[in-house]
PDB file of N, CA and C in Angstrom:
ATOM      1  N   MET A   1      -9.474 -15.811   3.555  1.00  0.00           N
ATOM      2  CA  MET A   1      -9.248 -14.619   2.764  1.00  0.00           C
ATOM      3  C   MET A   1     -10.221 -14.563   1.587  1.00  0.00           C
ATOM      4  N   ALA A   2     -10.349 -15.669   0.896  1.00  0.00           N
ATOM      5  CA  ALA A   2     -11.232 -15.708  -0.271  1.00  0.00           C
ATOM      6  C   ALA A   2     -12.688 -15.515   0.148  1.00  0.00           C
ATOM      7  N   GLU A   3     -13.043 -16.063   1.305  1.00  0.00           N
ATOM      8  CA  GLU A   3     -14.419 -15.905   1.794  1.00  0.00           C
ATOM      9  C   GLU A   3     -14.721 -14.437   2.095  1.00  0.00           C
ATOM     10  N   LEU A   4     -13.788 -13.743   2.718  1.00  0.00           N
ATOM     11  CA  LEU A   4     -13.971 -12.314   3.013  1.00  0.00           C
ATOM     12  C   LEU A   4     -14.090 -11.506   1.729  1.00  0.00           C
ATOM     13  N   GLU A   5     -13.261 -11.819   0.738  1.00  0.00           N
ATOM     14  CA  GLU A   5     -13.317 -11.098  -0.529  1.00  0.00           C
ATOM     15  C   GLU A   5     -14.631 -11.345  -1.267  1.00  0.00           C
ATOM     16  N   ARG A   6     -15.130 -12.599  -1.221  1.00  0.00           N
ATOM     17  CA  ARG A   6     -16.426 -12.897  -1.850  1.00  0.00           C
ATOM     18  C   ARG A   6     -17.551 -12.125  -1.168  1.00  0.00           C
ATOM     19  N   GLU A   7     -17.514 -12.103   0.149  1.00  0.00           N
ATOM     20  CA  GLU A   7     -18.556 -11.396   0.891  1.00  0.00           C
ATOM     21  C   GLU A   7     -18.491  -9.896   0.634  1.00  0.00           C
ATOM     22  N   ALA A   8     -17.296  -9.344   0.537  1.00  0.00           N
ATOM     23  CA  ALA A   8     -17.141  -7.912   0.252  1.00  0.00           C
ATOM     24  C   ALA A   8     -17.660  -7.577  -1.138  1.00  0.00           C
ATOM     25  N   ALA A   9     -17.470  -8.470  -2.082  1.00  0.00           N
ATOM     26  CA  ALA A   9     -17.940  -8.228  -3.447  1.00  0.00           C
ATOM     27  C   ALA A   9     -19.458  -8.280  -3.546  1.00  0.00           C
ATOM     28  N   SER A  10     -20.106  -8.983  -2.615  1.00  0.00           N
ATOM     29  CA  SER A  10     -21.563  -9.116  -2.679  1.00  0.00           C
ATOM     30  C   SER A  10     -22.309  -8.004  -1.955  1.00  0.00           C
ATOM     31  N   LEU A  11     -21.608  -7.087  -1.317  1.00  0.00           N
ATOM     32  CA  LEU A  11     -22.251  -5.984  -0.606  1.00  0.00           C
ATOM     33  C   LEU A  11     -22.672  -4.903  -1.593  1.00  0.00           C
ATOM     34  N   HIS A  12     -23.920  -4.495  -1.505  1.00  0.00           N
ATOM     35  CA  HIS A  12     -24.415  -3.440  -2.383  1.00  0.00           C
ATOM     36  C   HIS A  12     -25.277  -2.495  -1.563  1.00  0.00           C
ATOM     37  N   GLY A  13     -24.652  -1.538  -0.887  1.00  0.00           N
ATOM     38  CA  GLY A  13     -25.385  -0.547  -0.129  1.00  0.00           C
ATOM     39  C   GLY A  13     -25.967  -1.065   1.178  1.00  0.00           C
ATOM     40  N   GLU A  14     -25.535  -2.210   1.653  1.00  0.00           N
ATOM     41  CA  GLU A  14     -26.026  -2.762   2.904  1.00  0.00           C
ATOM     42  C   GLU A  14     -25.070  -2.338   4.020  1.00  0.00           C
ATOM     43  N   ARG A  15     -25.384  -1.238   4.656  1.00  0.00           N
ATOM     44  CA  ARG A  15     -24.469  -0.615   5.605  1.00  0.00           C
ATOM     45  C   ARG A  15     -24.176  -1.504   6.813  1.00  0.00           C
ATOM     46  N   MET A  16     -25.192  -2.164   7.368  1.00  0.00           N
ATOM     47  CA  MET A  16     -24.978  -2.982   8.558  1.00  0.00           C
ATOM     48  C   MET A  16     -24.088  -4.191   8.250  1.00  0.00           C
ATOM     49  N   ARG A  17     -24.298  -4.831   7.107  1.00  0.00           N
ATOM     50  CA  ARG A  17     -23.424  -5.943   6.723  1.00  0.00           C
ATOM     51  C   ARG A  17     -22.011  -5.447   6.462  1.00  0.00           C
ATOM     52  N   THR A  18     -21.914  -4.244   5.912  1.00  0.00           N
ATOM     53  CA  THR A  18     -20.600  -3.656   5.646  1.00  0.00           C
ATOM     54  C   THR A  18     -19.855  -3.410   6.951  1.00  0.00           C
ATOM     55  N   LEU A  19     -20.553  -2.883   7.949  1.00  0.00           N
ATOM     56  CA  LEU A  19     -19.921  -2.633   9.247  1.00  0.00           C
ATOM     57  C   LEU A  19     -19.484  -3.935   9.910  1.00  0.00           C
ATOM     58  N   ASP A  20     -20.315  -4.970   9.805  1.00  0.00           N
ATOM     59  CA  ASP A  20     -19.970  -6.269  10.371  1.00  0.00           C
ATOM     60  C   ASP A  20     -18.737  -6.845   9.683  1.00  0.00           C
ATOM     61  N   LEU A  21     -18.725  -6.788   8.363  1.00  0.00           N
ATOM     62  CA  LEU A  21     -17.580  -7.306   7.611  1.00  0.00           C
ATOM     63  C   LEU A  21     -16.322  -6.492   7.899  1.00  0.00           C
ATOM     64  N   LYS A  22     -16.475  -5.204   8.042  1.00  0.00           N
ATOM     65  CA  LYS A  22     -15.327  -4.338   8.357  1.00  0.00           C
ATOM     66  C   LYS A  22     -14.703  -4.751   9.685  1.00  0.00           C
ATOM     67  N   GLN A  23     -15.537  -5.049  10.665  1.00  0.00           N
ATOM     68  CA  GLN A  23     -15.037  -5.484  11.968  1.00  0.00           C
ATOM     69  C   GLN A  23     -14.298  -6.814  11.853  1.00  0.00           C
ATOM     70  N   ARG A  24     -14.845  -7.752  11.063  1.00  0.00           N
ATOM     71  CA  ARG A  24     -14.192  -9.046  10.877  1.00  0.00           C
ATOM     72  C   ARG A  24     -12.863  -8.900  10.139  1.00  0.00           C
ATOM     73  N   VAL A  25     -12.814  -8.018   9.146  1.00  0.00           N
ATOM     74  CA  VAL A  25     -11.566  -7.802   8.405  1.00  0.00           C
ATOM     75  C   VAL A  25     -10.517  -7.157   9.310  1.00  0.00           C
ATOM     76  N   THR A  26     -10.942  -6.231  10.162  1.00  0.00           N
ATOM     77  CA  THR A  26     -10.018  -5.599  11.107  1.00  0.00           C
ATOM     78  C   THR A  26      -9.399  -6.637  12.026  1.00  0.00           C
ATOM     79  N   GLN A  27     -10.227  -7.530  12.540  1.00  0.00           N
ATOM     80  CA  GLN A  27      -9.734  -8.583  13.424  1.00  0.00           C
ATOM     81  C   GLN A  27      -8.794  -9.522  12.676  1.00  0.00           C
ATOM     82  N   THR A  28      -9.147  -9.890  11.459  1.00  0.00           N
ATOM     83  CA  THR A  28      -8.303 -10.777  10.655  1.00  0.00           C
ATOM     84  C   THR A  28      -6.973 -10.114  10.333  1.00  0.00           C
ATOM     85  N   LEU A  29      -6.999  -8.818  10.047  1.00  0.00           N
ATOM     86  CA  LEU A  29      -5.763  -8.085   9.759  1.00  0.00           C
ATOM     87  C   LEU A  29      -4.855  -8.064  10.986  1.00  0.00           C
ATOM     88  N   GLN A  30      -5.418  -7.846  12.157  1.00  0.00           N
ATOM     89  CA  GLN A  30      -4.621  -7.852  13.382  1.00  0.00           C
ATOM     90  C   GLN A  30      -3.993  -9.219  13.629  1.00  0.00           C
ATOM     91  N   GLU A  31      -4.790 -10.282  13.400  1.00  0.00           N
ATOM     92  CA  GLU A  31      -4.263 -11.632  13.568  1.00  0.00           C
ATOM     93  C   GLU A  31      -3.150 -11.925  12.562  1.00  0.00           C
ATOM     94  N   ALA A  32      -3.333 -11.473  11.325  1.00  0.00           N
ATOM     95  CA  ALA A  32      -2.322 -11.704  10.295  1.00  0.00           C
ATOM     96  C   ALA A  32      -1.024 -10.971  10.620  1.00  0.00           C
ATOM     97  N   GLU A  33      -1.152  -9.752  11.133  1.00  0.00           N
ATOM     98  CA  GLU A  33       0.053  -8.993  11.485  1.00  0.00           C
ATOM     99  C   GLU A  33       0.772  -9.618  12.676  1.00  0.00           C
ATOM    100  N   SER A  34       0.016 -10.114  13.644  1.00  0.00           N
ATOM    101  CA  SER A  34       0.666 -10.710  14.820  1.00  0.00           C
ATOM    102  C   SER A  34       1.288 -12.069  14.495  1.00  0.00           C
ATOM    103  N   ALA A  35       0.769 -12.735  13.457  1.00  0.00           N
ATOM    104  CA  ALA A  35       1.320 -14.039  13.057  1.00  0.00           C
ATOM    105  C   ALA A  35       2.393 -13.885  11.980  1.00  0.00           C
ATOM    106  N   PHE A  36       2.762 -12.650  11.673  1.00  0.00           N
ATOM    107  CA  PHE A  36       3.779 -12.351  10.663  1.00  0.00           C
ATOM    108  C   PHE A  36       3.432 -12.986   9.315  1.00  0.00           C
ATOM    109  N   ALA A  37       2.183 -12.786   8.895  1.00  0.00           N
ATOM    110  CA  ALA A  37       1.738 -13.310   7.593  1.00  0.00           C
ATOM    111  C   ALA A  37       2.475 -12.573   6.481  1.00  0.00           C
ATOM    112  N   GLY A  38       2.388 -13.094   5.291  1.00  0.00           N
ATOM    113  CA  GLY A  38       3.068 -12.498   4.149  1.00  0.00           C
ATOM    114  C   GLY A  38       2.560 -11.105   3.830  1.00  0.00           C
ATOM    115  N   ALA A  39       3.414 -10.324   3.224  1.00  0.00           N
ATOM    116  CA  ALA A  39       3.069  -8.934   2.895  1.00  0.00           C
ATOM    117  C   ALA A  39       1.898  -8.859   1.927  1.00  0.00           C
ATOM    118  N   GLU A  40       1.789  -9.844   1.025  1.00  0.00           N
ATOM    119  CA  GLU A  40       0.699  -9.835   0.048  1.00  0.00           C
ATOM    120  C   GLU A  40      -0.662  -9.957   0.737  1.00  0.00           C
ATOM    121  N   ILE A  41      -0.763 -10.833   1.718  1.00  0.00           N
ATOM    122  CA  ILE A  41      -2.029 -11.020   2.439  1.00  0.00           C
ATOM    123  C   ILE A  41      -2.367  -9.789   3.257  1.00  0.00           C
ATOM    124  N   ILE A  42      -1.397  -9.232   3.920  1.00  0.00           N
ATOM    125  CA  ILE A  42      -1.633  -8.036   4.726  1.00  0.00           C
ATOM    126  C   ILE A  42      -2.053  -6.876   3.831  1.00  0.00           C
ATOM    127  N   ASP A  43      -1.426  -6.736   2.671  1.00  0.00           N
ATOM    128  CA  ASP A  43      -1.799  -5.671   1.739  1.00  0.00           C
ATOM    129  C   ASP A  43      -3.222  -5.851   1.225  1.00  0.00           C
ATOM    130  N   ARG A  44      -3.607  -7.099   0.914  1.00  0.00           N
ATOM    131  CA  ARG A  44      -4.972  -7.361   0.439  1.00  0.00           C
ATOM    132  C   ARG A  44      -5.995  -7.042   1.522  1.00  0.00           C
ATOM    133  N   LEU A  45      -5.707  -7.433   2.756  1.00  0.00           N
ATOM    134  CA  LEU A  45      -6.617  -7.138   3.862  1.00  0.00           C
ATOM    135  C   LEU A  45      -6.702  -5.638   4.118  1.00  0.00           C
ATOM    136  N   ASP A  46      -5.570  -4.952   4.036  1.00  0.00           N
ATOM    137  CA  ASP A  46      -5.542  -3.511   4.246  1.00  0.00           C
ATOM    138  C   ASP A  46      -6.352  -2.783   3.176  1.00  0.00           C
ATOM    139  N   LEU A  47      -6.216  -3.194   1.935  1.00  0.00           N
ATOM    140  CA  LEU A  47      -6.982  -2.588   0.847  1.00  0.00           C
ATOM    141  C   LEU A  47      -8.479  -2.850   1.025  1.00  0.00           C
ATOM    142  N   MET A  48      -8.826  -4.070   1.432  1.00  0.00           N
ATOM    143  CA  MET A  48     -10.229  -4.394   1.674  1.00  0.00           C
ATOM    144  C   MET A  48     -10.783  -3.548   2.819  1.00  0.00           C
ATOM    145  N   LEU A  49      -9.989  -3.341   3.855  1.00  0.00           N
ATOM    146  CA  LEU A  49     -10.418  -2.529   4.992  1.00  0.00           C
ATOM    147  C   LEU A  49     -10.657  -1.083   4.575  1.00  0.00           C
ATOM    148  N   MET A  50      -9.789  -0.533   3.729  1.00  0.00           N
ATOM    149  CA  MET A  50      -9.991   0.840   3.248  1.00  0.00           C
ATOM    150  C   MET A  50     -11.265   0.943   2.412  1.00  0.00           C
ATOM    151  N   THR A  51     -11.513  -0.051   1.563  1.00  0.00           N
ATOM    152  CA  THR A  51     -12.720  -0.058   0.741  1.00  0.00           C
ATOM    153  C   THR A  51     -13.970  -0.150   1.599  1.00  0.00           C
ATOM    154  N   LEU A  52     -13.943  -1.000   2.604  1.00  0.00           N
ATOM    155  CA  LEU A  52     -15.098  -1.147   3.493  1.00  0.00           C
ATOM    156  C   LEU A  52     -15.323   0.098   4.342  1.00  0.00           C
ATOM    157  N   THR A  53     -14.250   0.749   4.745  1.00  0.00           N
ATOM    158  CA  THR A  53     -14.385   1.982   5.516  1.00  0.00           C
ATOM    159  C   THR A  53     -15.093   3.047   4.694  1.00  0.00           C
ATOM    160  N   GLU A  54     -14.725   3.159   3.437  1.00  0.00           N
ATOM    161  CA  GLU A  54     -15.373   4.117   2.538  1.00  0.00           C
ATOM    162  C   GLU A  54     -16.839   3.755   2.314  1.00  0.00           C
ATOM    163  N   ALA A  55     -17.127   2.477   2.158  1.00  0.00           N
ATOM    164  CA  ALA A  55     -18.504   2.026   1.914  1.00  0.00           C
ATOM    165  C   ALA A  55     -19.386   2.179   3.145  1.00  0.00           C
ATOM    166  N   ALA A  56     -18.790   2.165   4.332  1.00  0.00           N
ATOM    167  CA  ALA A  56     -19.570   2.236   5.568  1.00  0.00           C
ATOM    168  C   ALA A  56     -19.894   3.668   5.993  1.00  0.00           C
ATOM    169  N   LYS A  57     -19.314   4.631   5.314  1.00  0.00           N
ATOM    170  CA  LYS A  57     -19.587   6.025   5.681  1.00  0.00           C
ATOM    171  C   LYS A  57     -21.056   6.360   5.490  1.00  0.00           C
ATOM    172  N   GLU A  58     -21.568   7.153   6.398  1.00  0.00           N
ATOM    173  CA  GLU A  58     -22.942   7.601   6.244  1.00  0.00           C
ATOM    174  C   GLU A  58     -22.991   8.654   5.146  1.00  0.00           C
ATOM    175  N   ASN A  59     -24.115   8.728   4.499  1.00  0.00           N
ATOM    176  CA  ASN A  59     -24.279   9.647   3.383  1.00  0.00           C
ATOM    177  C   ASN A  59     -24.863  10.971   3.878  1.00  0.00           C
ATOM    178  N   VAL A  60     -24.193  11.590   4.853  1.00  0.00           N
ATOM    179  CA  VAL A  60     -24.662  12.839   5.436  1.00  0.00           C
ATOM    180  C   VAL A  60     -23.877  13.988   4.822  1.00  0.00           C
ATOM    181  N   CYS A  61     -24.606  14.980   4.364  1.00  0.00           N
ATOM    182  CA  CYS A  61     -23.986  16.112   3.690  1.00  0.00           C
ATOM    183  C   CYS A  61     -23.237  16.997   4.680  1.00  0.00           C
ATOM    184  N   THR A  62     -22.032  17.406   4.325  1.00  0.00           N
ATOM    185  CA  THR A  62     -21.237  18.287   5.166  1.00  0.00           C
ATOM    186  C   THR A  62     -21.029  19.659   4.530  1.00  0.00           C
ATOM    187  N   ASN A  63     -21.661  19.888   3.388  1.00  0.00           N
ATOM    188  CA  ASN A  63     -21.551  21.165   2.693  1.00  0.00           C
ATOM    189  C   ASN A  63     -22.558  22.149   3.297  1.00  0.00           C
ATOM    190  N   THR A  64     -22.058  23.200   3.947  1.00  0.00           N
ATOM    191  CA  THR A  64     -22.953  24.148   4.625  1.00  0.00           C
ATOM    192  C   THR A  64     -23.821  24.925   3.654  1.00  0.00           C
ATOM    193  N   ARG A  65     -23.457  24.977   2.392  1.00  0.00           N
ATOM    194  CA  ARG A  65     -24.257  25.707   1.405  1.00  0.00           C
ATOM    195  C   ARG A  65     -25.343  24.841   0.772  1.00  0.00           C
ATOM    196  N   CYS A  66     -25.311  23.556   1.047  1.00  0.00           N
ATOM    197  CA  CYS A  66     -26.270  22.622   0.439  1.00  0.00           C
ATOM    198  C   CYS A  66     -27.587  22.636   1.211  1.00  0.00           C
ATOM    199  N   GLN A  67     -28.678  22.437   0.500  1.00  0.00           N
ATOM    200  CA  GLN A  67     -29.985  22.418   1.150  1.00  0.00           C
ATOM    201  C   GLN A  67     -30.183  21.171   2.007  1.00  0.00           C
ATOM    202  N   HIS A  68     -29.340  20.171   1.836  1.00  0.00           N
ATOM    203  CA  HIS A  68     -29.440  18.931   2.603  1.00  0.00           C
ATOM    204  C   HIS A  68     -28.415  18.874   3.733  1.00  0.00           C
ATOM    205  N   TYR A  69     -27.856  19.998   4.134  1.00  0.00           N
ATOM    206  CA  TYR A  69     -26.805  20.015   5.154  1.00  0.00           C
ATOM    207  C   TYR A  69     -27.247  19.255   6.404  1.00  0.00           C
ATOM    208  N   SER A  70     -26.399  18.381   6.903  1.00  0.00           N
ATOM    209  CA  SER A  70     -26.633  17.536   8.082  1.00  0.00           C
ATOM    210  C   SER A  70     -27.754  16.533   7.898  1.00  0.00           C
ATOM    211  N   LYS A  71     -28.136  16.250   6.679  1.00  0.00           N
ATOM    212  CA  LYS A  71     -29.161  15.248   6.371  1.00  0.00           C
ATOM    213  C   LYS A  71     -28.599  14.337   5.292  1.00  0.00           C
ATOM    214  N   ASN A  72     -29.333  13.300   4.996  1.00  0.00           N
ATOM    215  CA  ASN A  72     -28.948  12.446   3.865  1.00  0.00           C
ATOM    216  C   ASN A  72     -29.036  13.269   2.594  1.00  0.00           C
ATOM    217  N   CYS A  73     -28.012  13.226   1.791  1.00  0.00           N
ATOM    218  CA  CYS A  73     -27.933  14.071   0.607  1.00  0.00           C
ATOM    219  C   CYS A  73     -27.744  13.221  -0.641  1.00  0.00           C
ATOM    220  N   ARG A  74     -28.525  13.489  -1.631  1.00  0.00           N
ATOM    221  CA  ARG A  74     -28.393  12.760  -2.899  1.00  0.00           C
ATOM    222  C   ARG A  74     -27.214  13.287  -3.716  1.00  0.00           C
ATOM    223  N   MET A  75     -26.760  14.459  -3.415  1.00  0.00           N
ATOM    224  CA  MET A  75     -25.674  15.068  -4.177  1.00  0.00           C
ATOM    225  C   MET A  75     -24.312  14.484  -3.767  1.00  0.00           C
ATOM    226  N   ARG A  76     -24.248  13.886  -2.625  1.00  0.00           N
ATOM    227  CA  ARG A  76     -22.981  13.392  -2.089  1.00  0.00           C
ATOM    228  C   ARG A  76     -22.540  12.166  -2.776  1.00  0.00           C
TER     229      ARG A  76
END
């Protein structure tokens, strides 16, 4: 758990590492739930997974009025 949290804290805009870590956290969360781990650990893993999901999103603009629509957008 501590190793995953350290690795998550060291990510700074590295999308591929974020996706890899997200996959590992998902697997760890599934294992923790099947082993009936404590609620605190499951909550920490769930929060980390939500944070990684947000960080892994592509920076593609979805605003149809923006000049960067369907491209990487600095405004996003």
